[in-house]
Amino acid sequence: MKGVYDPEHGPYTEREKMGFRLAERLHHSAEHIDDDFYVELKKHFNDKEIIELTATAAAFEFFTRFVDALRIPTTPVPEHLPAMK
């Protein structure tokens, strides 16, 4: 489970970490995906991959907000797994 709560220190490649960084920035605000970050992103992904990563991260943001806004109950975490922070 190393890296689940802190991808920066998990067993991921730099390319994978950049994908996590993109999702994290998008989670806070699209404004956090500035020109400097985009330059770094382009070192690891081509334009089509960046579109796919952004679309995937944005879709997950949509589902979470949708479920939360409508107060849809979610499946509880099984007792044998640690709860997400």
PDB file of N, CA and C in Angstrom:
ATOM      1  N   MET A   1       0.825  -1.201   0.000  1.00  0.00           N
ATOM      2  CA  MET A   1       0.000   0.000   0.000  1.00  0.00           C
ATOM      3  C   MET A   1       0.864   1.258   0.000  1.00  0.00           C
ATOM      4  N   LYS A   2       2.183   1.076  -0.019  1.00  0.00           N
ATOM      5  CA  LYS A   2       3.050   2.243  -0.019  1.00  0.00           C
ATOM      6  C   LYS A   2       2.766   3.079  -1.260  1.00  0.00           C
ATOM      7  N   GLY A   3       2.570   4.344  -1.062  1.00  0.00           N
ATOM      8  CA  GLY A   3       2.321   5.231  -2.180  1.00  0.00           C
ATOM      9  C   GLY A   3       0.859   5.582  -2.369  1.00  0.00           C
ATOM     10  N   VAL A   4      -0.050   4.869  -1.712  1.00  0.00           N
ATOM     11  CA  VAL A   4      -1.472   5.166  -1.866  1.00  0.00           C
ATOM     12  C   VAL A   4      -1.779   6.555  -1.319  1.00  0.00           C
ATOM     13  N   TYR A   5      -1.254   6.845  -0.143  1.00  0.00           N
ATOM     14  CA  TYR A   5      -1.516   8.135   0.479  1.00  0.00           C
ATOM     15  C   TYR A   5      -0.511   9.199   0.062  1.00  0.00           C
ATOM     16  N   ASP A   6       0.628   8.785  -0.452  1.00  0.00           N
ATOM     17  CA  ASP A   6       1.687   9.715  -0.835  1.00  0.00           C
ATOM     18  C   ASP A   6       2.397   9.199  -2.085  1.00  0.00           C
ATOM     19  N   PRO A   7       1.797   9.425  -3.266  1.00  0.00           N
ATOM     20  CA  PRO A   7       2.384   8.898  -4.506  1.00  0.00           C
ATOM     21  C   PRO A   7       3.816   9.357  -4.767  1.00  0.00           C
ATOM     22  N   GLU A   8       4.185  10.506  -4.257  1.00  0.00           N
ATOM     23  CA  GLU A   8       5.542  11.011  -4.477  1.00  0.00           C
ATOM     24  C   GLU A   8       6.595  10.061  -3.919  1.00  0.00           C
ATOM     25  N   HIS A   9       6.239   9.318  -2.882  1.00  0.00           N
ATOM     26  CA  HIS A   9       7.192   8.414  -2.248  1.00  0.00           C
ATOM     27  C   HIS A   9       6.845   6.946  -2.485  1.00  0.00           C
ATOM     28  N   GLY A  10       5.943   6.708  -3.410  1.00  0.00           N
ATOM     29  CA  GLY A  10       5.558   5.341  -3.736  1.00  0.00           C
ATOM     30  C   GLY A  10       6.455   4.758  -4.816  1.00  0.00           C
ATOM     31  N   PRO A  11       6.168   3.542  -5.206  1.00  0.00           N
ATOM     32  CA  PRO A  11       7.003   2.826  -6.172  1.00  0.00           C
ATOM     33  C   PRO A  11       6.651   3.164  -7.625  1.00  0.00           C
ATOM     34  N   TYR A  12       6.572   4.441  -7.930  1.00  0.00           N
ATOM     35  CA  TYR A  12       6.142   4.880  -9.254  1.00  0.00           C
ATOM     36  C   TYR A  12       7.293   5.497 -10.032  1.00  0.00           C
ATOM     37  N   THR A  13       7.190   5.413 -11.343  1.00  0.00           N
ATOM     38  CA  THR A  13       8.178   6.076 -12.198  1.00  0.00           C
ATOM     39  C   THR A  13       7.916   7.576 -12.165  1.00  0.00           C
ATOM     40  N   GLU A  14       8.861   8.337 -12.643  1.00  0.00           N
ATOM     41  CA  GLU A  14       8.673   9.784 -12.699  1.00  0.00           C
ATOM     42  C   GLU A  14       7.494  10.123 -13.610  1.00  0.00           C
ATOM     43  N   ARG A  15       7.332   9.355 -14.667  1.00  0.00           N
ATOM     44  CA  ARG A  15       6.214   9.576 -15.594  1.00  0.00           C
ATOM     45  C   ARG A  15       4.874   9.366 -14.872  1.00  0.00           C
ATOM     46  N   GLU A  16       4.779   8.284 -14.110  1.00  0.00           N
ATOM     47  CA  GLU A  16       3.555   8.017 -13.356  1.00  0.00           C
ATOM     48  C   GLU A  16       3.301   9.111 -12.319  1.00  0.00           C
ATOM     49  N   LYS A  17       4.358   9.558 -11.666  1.00  0.00           N
ATOM     50  CA  LYS A  17       4.208  10.632 -10.677  1.00  0.00           C
ATOM     51  C   LYS A  17       3.701  11.913 -11.327  1.00  0.00           C
ATOM     52  N   MET A  18       4.146  12.178 -12.548  1.00  0.00           N
ATOM     53  CA  MET A  18       3.639  13.368 -13.257  1.00  0.00           C
ATOM     54  C   MET A  18       2.140  13.249 -13.505  1.00  0.00           C
ATOM     55  N   GLY A  19       1.669  12.046 -13.803  1.00  0.00           N
ATOM     56  CA  GLY A  19       0.229  11.834 -13.970  1.00  0.00           C
ATOM     57  C   GLY A  19      -0.524  12.109 -12.677  1.00  0.00           C
ATOM     58  N   PHE A  20       0.021  11.634 -11.560  1.00  0.00           N
ATOM     59  CA  PHE A  20      -0.589  11.919 -10.253  1.00  0.00           C
ATOM     60  C   PHE A  20      -0.568  13.417  -9.959  1.00  0.00           C
ATOM     61  N   ARG A  21       0.529  14.074 -10.300  1.00  0.00           N
ATOM     62  CA  ARG A  21       0.634  15.521 -10.058  1.00  0.00           C
ATOM     63  C   ARG A  21      -0.417  16.289 -10.860  1.00  0.00           C
ATOM     64  N   LEU A  22      -0.635  15.849 -12.088  1.00  0.00           N
ATOM     65  CA  LEU A  22      -1.663  16.491 -12.913  1.00  0.00           C
ATOM     66  C   LEU A  22      -3.031  16.340 -12.247  1.00  0.00           C
ATOM     67  N   ALA A  23      -3.360  15.138 -11.828  1.00  0.00           N
ATOM     68  CA  ALA A  23      -4.651  14.903 -11.182  1.00  0.00           C
ATOM     69  C   ALA A  23      -4.790  15.724  -9.905  1.00  0.00           C
ATOM     70  N   GLU A  24      -3.727  15.786  -9.129  1.00  0.00           N
ATOM     71  CA  GLU A  24      -3.759  16.561  -7.873  1.00  0.00           C
ATOM     72  C   GLU A  24      -3.980  18.043  -8.149  1.00  0.00           C
ATOM     73  N   ARG A  25      -3.283  18.575  -9.126  1.00  0.00           N
ATOM     74  CA  ARG A  25      -3.453  19.991  -9.468  1.00  0.00           C
ATOM     75  C   ARG A  25      -4.863  20.266  -9.974  1.00  0.00           C
ATOM     76  N   LEU A  26      -5.366  19.379 -10.819  1.00  0.00           N
ATOM     77  CA  LEU A  26      -6.718  19.548 -11.339  1.00  0.00           C
ATOM     78  C   LEU A  26      -7.738  19.467 -10.212  1.00  0.00           C
ATOM     79  N   HIS A  27      -7.485  18.600  -9.241  1.00  0.00           N
ATOM     80  CA  HIS A  27      -8.381  18.459  -8.090  1.00  0.00           C
ATOM     81  C   HIS A  27      -8.542  19.793  -7.363  1.00  0.00           C
ATOM     82  N   HIS A  28      -7.457  20.534  -7.212  1.00  0.00           N
ATOM     83  CA  HIS A  28      -7.518  21.817  -6.509  1.00  0.00           C
ATOM     84  C   HIS A  28      -8.089  22.916  -7.391  1.00  0.00           C
ATOM     85  N   SER A  29      -7.599  23.004  -8.621  1.00  0.00           N
ATOM     86  CA  SER A  29      -8.093  24.004  -9.574  1.00  0.00           C
ATOM     87  C   SER A  29      -7.325  23.861 -10.877  1.00  0.00           C
ATOM     88  N   ALA A  30      -8.027  24.000 -11.972  1.00  0.00           N
ATOM     89  CA  ALA A  30      -7.368  23.947 -13.278  1.00  0.00           C
ATOM     90  C   ALA A  30      -6.320  25.045 -13.418  1.00  0.00           C
ATOM     91  N   GLU A  31      -6.460  26.096 -12.640  1.00  0.00           N
ATOM     92  CA  GLU A  31      -5.477  27.189 -12.664  1.00  0.00           C
ATOM     93  C   GLU A  31      -4.104  26.719 -12.204  1.00  0.00           C
ATOM     94  N   HIS A  32      -4.048  25.610 -11.455  1.00  0.00           N
ATOM     95  CA  HIS A  32      -2.766  25.085 -10.985  1.00  0.00           C
ATOM     96  C   HIS A  32      -1.988  24.366 -12.091  1.00  0.00           C
ATOM     97  N   ILE A  33      -2.630  24.161 -13.219  1.00  0.00           N
ATOM     98  CA  ILE A  33      -1.939  23.569 -14.369  1.00  0.00           C
ATOM     99  C   ILE A  33      -1.452  24.739 -15.221  1.00  0.00           C
ATOM    100  N   ASP A  34      -0.398  25.365 -14.737  1.00  0.00           N
ATOM    101  CA  ASP A  34       0.125  26.563 -15.385  1.00  0.00           C
ATOM    102  C   ASP A  34       1.131  26.202 -16.472  1.00  0.00           C
ATOM    103  N   ASP A  35       1.664  27.213 -17.131  1.00  0.00           N
ATOM    104  CA  ASP A  35       2.593  26.986 -18.243  1.00  0.00           C
ATOM    105  C   ASP A  35       3.840  26.224 -17.809  1.00  0.00           C
ATOM    106  N   ASP A  36       4.377  26.546 -16.643  1.00  0.00           N
ATOM    107  CA  ASP A  36       5.584  25.854 -16.163  1.00  0.00           C
ATOM    108  C   ASP A  36       5.303  24.367 -15.934  1.00  0.00           C
ATOM    109  N   PHE A  37       4.159  24.065 -15.334  1.00  0.00           N
ATOM    110  CA  PHE A  37       3.818  22.656 -15.112  1.00  0.00           C
ATOM    111  C   PHE A  37       3.600  21.951 -16.441  1.00  0.00           C
ATOM    112  N   TYR A  38       2.964  22.625 -17.373  1.00  0.00           N
ATOM    113  CA  TYR A  38       2.698  22.023 -18.681  1.00  0.00           C
ATOM    114  C   TYR A  38       3.999  21.675 -19.400  1.00  0.00           C
ATOM    115  N   VAL A  39       5.006  22.531 -19.280  1.00  0.00           N
ATOM    116  CA  VAL A  39       6.314  22.241 -19.880  1.00  0.00           C
ATOM    117  C   VAL A  39       6.877  20.945 -19.293  1.00  0.00           C
ATOM    118  N   GLU A  40       6.771  20.775 -17.983  1.00  0.00           N
ATOM    119  CA  GLU A  40       7.251  19.552 -17.335  1.00  0.00           C
ATOM    120  C   GLU A  40       6.430  18.339 -17.784  1.00  0.00           C
ATOM    121  N   LEU A  41       5.138  18.519 -17.895  1.00  0.00           N
ATOM    122  CA  LEU A  41       4.254  17.447 -18.339  1.00  0.00           C
ATOM    123  C   LEU A  41       4.621  16.972 -19.743  1.00  0.00           C
ATOM    124  N   LYS A  42       4.951  17.915 -20.607  1.00  0.00           N
ATOM    125  CA  LYS A  42       5.299  17.592 -21.997  1.00  0.00           C
ATOM    126  C   LYS A  42       6.600  16.794 -22.103  1.00  0.00           C
ATOM    127  N   LYS A  43       7.400  16.796 -21.069  1.00  0.00           N
ATOM    128  CA  LYS A  43       8.632  15.994 -21.066  1.00  0.00           C
ATOM    129  C   LYS A  43       8.312  14.500 -20.926  1.00  0.00           C
ATOM    130  N   HIS A  44       7.115  14.179 -20.444  1.00  0.00           N
ATOM    131  CA  HIS A  44       6.745  12.800 -20.157  1.00  0.00           C
ATOM    132  C   HIS A  44       5.598  12.271 -21.010  1.00  0.00           C
ATOM    133  N   PHE A  45       4.773  13.165 -21.542  1.00  0.00           N
ATOM    134  CA  PHE A  45       3.585  12.750 -22.279  1.00  0.00           C
ATOM    135  C   PHE A  45       3.437  13.551 -23.563  1.00  0.00           C
ATOM    136  N   ASN A  46       2.851  12.913 -24.586  1.00  0.00           N
ATOM    137  CA  ASN A  46       2.535  13.656 -25.801  1.00  0.00           C
ATOM    138  C   ASN A  46       1.153  14.298 -25.641  1.00  0.00           C
ATOM    139  N   ASP A  47       0.743  15.075 -26.626  1.00  0.00           N
ATOM    140  CA  ASP A  47      -0.527  15.812 -26.517  1.00  0.00           C
ATOM    141  C   ASP A  47      -1.730  14.894 -26.313  1.00  0.00           C
ATOM    142  N   LYS A  48      -1.785  13.795 -27.046  1.00  0.00           N
ATOM    143  CA  LYS A  48      -2.919  12.869 -26.903  1.00  0.00           C
ATOM    144  C   LYS A  48      -2.966  12.267 -25.500  1.00  0.00           C
ATOM    145  N   GLU A  49      -1.808  11.940 -24.947  1.00  0.00           N
ATOM    146  CA  GLU A  49      -1.761  11.371 -23.592  1.00  0.00           C
ATOM    147  C   GLU A  49      -2.186  12.401 -22.554  1.00  0.00           C
ATOM    148  N   ILE A  50      -1.795  13.647 -22.751  1.00  0.00           N
ATOM    149  CA  ILE A  50      -2.186  14.714 -21.814  1.00  0.00           C
ATOM    150  C   ILE A  50      -3.694  14.912 -21.843  1.00  0.00           C
ATOM    151  N   ILE A  51      -4.279  14.857 -23.032  1.00  0.00           N
ATOM    152  CA  ILE A  51      -5.734  14.980 -23.141  1.00  0.00           C
ATOM    153  C   ILE A  51      -6.414  13.826 -22.416  1.00  0.00           C
ATOM    154  N   GLU A  52      -5.919  12.607 -22.619  1.00  0.00           N
ATOM    155  CA  GLU A  52      -6.511  11.440 -21.975  1.00  0.00           C
ATOM    156  C   GLU A  52      -6.368  11.506 -20.447  1.00  0.00           C
ATOM    157  N   LEU A  53      -5.192  11.879 -19.967  1.00  0.00           N
ATOM    158  CA  LEU A  53      -4.981  12.010 -18.523  1.00  0.00           C
ATOM    159  C   LEU A  53      -5.904  13.065 -17.927  1.00  0.00           C
ATOM    160  N   THR A  54      -5.998  14.207 -18.586  1.00  0.00           N
ATOM    161  CA  THR A  54      -6.835  15.302 -18.087  1.00  0.00           C
ATOM    162  C   THR A  54      -8.306  14.904 -18.093  1.00  0.00           C
ATOM    163  N   ALA A  55      -8.749  14.262 -19.172  1.00  0.00           N
ATOM    164  CA  ALA A  55     -10.145  13.825 -19.256  1.00  0.00           C
ATOM    165  C   ALA A  55     -10.469  12.804 -18.166  1.00  0.00           C
ATOM    166  N   THR A  56      -9.562  11.880 -17.925  1.00  0.00           N
ATOM    167  CA  THR A  56      -9.786  10.859 -16.897  1.00  0.00           C
ATOM    168  C   THR A  56      -9.853  11.492 -15.511  1.00  0.00           C
ATOM    169  N   ALA A  57      -8.901  12.359 -15.205  1.00  0.00           N
ATOM    170  CA  ALA A  57      -8.895  13.029 -13.891  1.00  0.00           C
ATOM    171  C   ALA A  57     -10.146  13.890 -13.722  1.00  0.00           C
ATOM    172  N   ALA A  58     -10.538  14.594 -14.765  1.00  0.00           N
ATOM    173  CA  ALA A  58     -11.732  15.447 -14.699  1.00  0.00           C
ATOM    174  C   ALA A  58     -12.992  14.608 -14.513  1.00  0.00           C
ATOM    175  N   ALA A  59     -13.064  13.453 -15.154  1.00  0.00           N
ATOM    176  CA  ALA A  59     -14.226  12.571 -15.003  1.00  0.00           C
ATOM    177  C   ALA A  59     -14.356  12.089 -13.563  1.00  0.00           C
ATOM    178  N   PHE A  60     -13.227  11.724 -12.949  1.00  0.00           N
ATOM    179  CA  PHE A  60     -13.285  11.281 -11.560  1.00  0.00           C
ATOM    180  C   PHE A  60     -13.698  12.423 -10.640  1.00  0.00           C
ATOM    181  N   GLU A  61     -13.259  13.633 -10.933  1.00  0.00           N
ATOM    182  CA  GLU A  61     -13.697  14.793 -10.152  1.00  0.00           C
ATOM    183  C   GLU A  61     -15.207  14.975 -10.294  1.00  0.00           C
ATOM    184  N   PHE A  62     -15.719  14.804 -11.508  1.00  0.00           N
ATOM    185  CA  PHE A  62     -17.152  14.933 -11.747  1.00  0.00           C
ATOM    186  C   PHE A  62     -17.938  13.926 -10.914  1.00  0.00           C
ATOM    187  N   PHE A  63     -17.529  12.645 -10.971  1.00  0.00           N
ATOM    188  CA  PHE A  63     -18.281  11.611 -10.262  1.00  0.00           C
ATOM    189  C   PHE A  63     -18.310  11.862  -8.764  1.00  0.00           C
ATOM    190  N   THR A  64     -17.186  12.246  -8.206  1.00  0.00           N
ATOM    191  CA  THR A  64     -17.135  12.515  -6.766  1.00  0.00           C
ATOM    192  C   THR A  64     -18.050  13.669  -6.387  1.00  0.00           C
ATOM    193  N   ARG A  65     -17.982  14.734  -7.136  1.00  0.00           N
ATOM    194  CA  ARG A  65     -18.831  15.894  -6.832  1.00  0.00           C
ATOM    195  C   ARG A  65     -20.304  15.566  -7.025  1.00  0.00           C
ATOM    196  N   PHE A  66     -20.623  14.800  -8.054  1.00  0.00           N
ATOM    197  CA  PHE A  66     -21.993  14.391  -8.334  1.00  0.00           C
ATOM    198  C   PHE A  66     -22.549  13.567  -7.178  1.00  0.00           C
ATOM    199  N   VAL A  67     -21.796  12.554  -6.768  1.00  0.00           N
ATOM    200  CA  VAL A  67     -22.221  11.681  -5.672  1.00  0.00           C
ATOM    201  C   VAL A  67     -22.355  12.474  -4.373  1.00  0.00           C
ATOM    202  N   ASP A  68     -21.390  13.324  -4.087  1.00  0.00           N
ATOM    203  CA  ASP A  68     -21.431  14.121  -2.857  1.00  0.00           C
ATOM    204  C   ASP A  68     -22.602  15.092  -2.862  1.00  0.00           C
ATOM    205  N   ALA A  69     -22.827  15.753  -3.992  1.00  0.00           N
ATOM    206  CA  ALA A  69     -23.904  16.749  -4.068  1.00  0.00           C
ATOM    207  C   ALA A  69     -25.283  16.117  -3.874  1.00  0.00           C
ATOM    208  N   LEU A  70     -25.453  14.915  -4.382  1.00  0.00           N
ATOM    209  CA  LEU A  70     -26.740  14.231  -4.262  1.00  0.00           C
ATOM    210  C   LEU A  70     -26.820  13.330  -3.037  1.00  0.00           C
ATOM    211  N   ARG A  71     -25.734  13.330  -2.258  1.00  0.00           N
ATOM    212  CA  ARG A  71     -25.669  12.535  -1.026  1.00  0.00           C
ATOM    213  C   ARG A  71     -25.998  11.062  -1.284  1.00  0.00           C
ATOM    214  N   ILE A  72     -25.424  10.555  -2.363  1.00  0.00           N
ATOM    215  CA  ILE A  72     -25.605   9.148  -2.716  1.00  0.00           C
ATOM    216  C   ILE A  72     -24.697   8.320  -1.815  1.00  0.00           C
ATOM    217  N   PRO A  73     -25.250   7.351  -1.106  1.00  0.00           N
ATOM    218  CA  PRO A  73     -24.395   6.541  -0.231  1.00  0.00           C
ATOM    219  C   PRO A  73     -23.405   5.710  -1.046  1.00  0.00           C
ATOM    220  N   THR A  74     -22.220   5.617  -0.527  1.00  0.00           N
ATOM    221  CA  THR A  74     -21.185   4.829  -1.193  1.00  0.00           C
ATOM    222  C   THR A  74     -20.907   3.575  -0.377  1.00  0.00           C
ATOM    223  N   THR A  75     -20.277   2.628  -0.998  1.00  0.00           N
ATOM    224  CA  THR A  75     -19.939   1.382  -0.327  1.00  0.00           C
ATOM    225  C   THR A  75     -18.873   1.653   0.725  1.00  0.00           C
ATOM    226  N   PRO A  76     -19.088   1.239   1.960  1.00  0.00           N
ATOM    227  CA  PRO A  76     -18.067   1.470   2.981  1.00  0.00           C
ATOM    228  C   PRO A  76     -16.805   0.661   2.696  1.00  0.00           C
ATOM    229  N   VAL A  77     -15.694   1.166   3.180  1.00  0.00           N
ATOM    230  CA  VAL A  77     -14.420   0.463   3.049  1.00  0.00           C
ATOM    231  C   VAL A  77     -14.473  -0.774   3.936  1.00  0.00           C
ATOM    232  N   PRO A  78     -14.130  -1.944   3.386  1.00  0.00           N
ATOM    233  CA  PRO A  78     -14.130  -3.143   4.234  1.00  0.00           C
ATOM    234  C   PRO A  78     -13.215  -2.968   5.446  1.00  0.00           C
ATOM    235  N   GLU A  79     -13.574  -3.573   6.531  1.00  0.00           N
ATOM    236  CA  GLU A  79     -12.843  -3.401   7.796  1.00  0.00           C
ATOM    237  C   GLU A  79     -11.389  -3.814   7.691  1.00  0.00           C
ATOM    238  N   HIS A  80     -11.051  -4.764   6.837  1.00  0.00           N
ATOM    239  CA  HIS A  80      -9.677  -5.239   6.744  1.00  0.00           C
ATOM    240  C   HIS A  80      -8.777  -4.300   5.926  1.00  0.00           C
ATOM    241  N   LEU A  81      -9.363  -3.264   5.313  1.00  0.00           N
ATOM    242  CA  LEU A  81      -8.566  -2.288   4.547  1.00  0.00           C
ATOM    243  C   LEU A  81      -8.501  -0.969   5.302  1.00  0.00           C
ATOM    244  N   PRO A  82      -7.362  -0.266   5.222  1.00  0.00           N
ATOM    245  CA  PRO A  82      -7.286   1.033   5.890  1.00  0.00           C
ATOM    246  C   PRO A  82      -8.161   2.044   5.175  1.00  0.00           C
ATOM    247  N   ALA A  83      -8.802   2.896   5.921  1.00  0.00           N
ATOM    248  CA  ALA A  83      -9.644   3.952   5.344  1.00  0.00           C
ATOM    249  C   ALA A  83      -8.755   4.992   4.687  1.00  0.00           C
ATOM    250  N   MET A  84      -9.240   5.574   3.595  1.00  0.00           N
ATOM    251  CA  MET A  84      -8.485   6.648   2.919  1.00  0.00           C
ATOM    252  C   MET A  84      -8.527   7.882   3.809  1.00  0.00           C
ATOM    253  N   LYS A  85      -7.429   8.602   3.781  1.00  0.00           N
ATOM    254  CA  LYS A  85      -7.363   9.823   4.592  1.00  0.00           C
ATOM    255  C   LYS A  85      -8.003  10.968   3.872  1.00  0.00           C
TER     256      LYS A  85
END
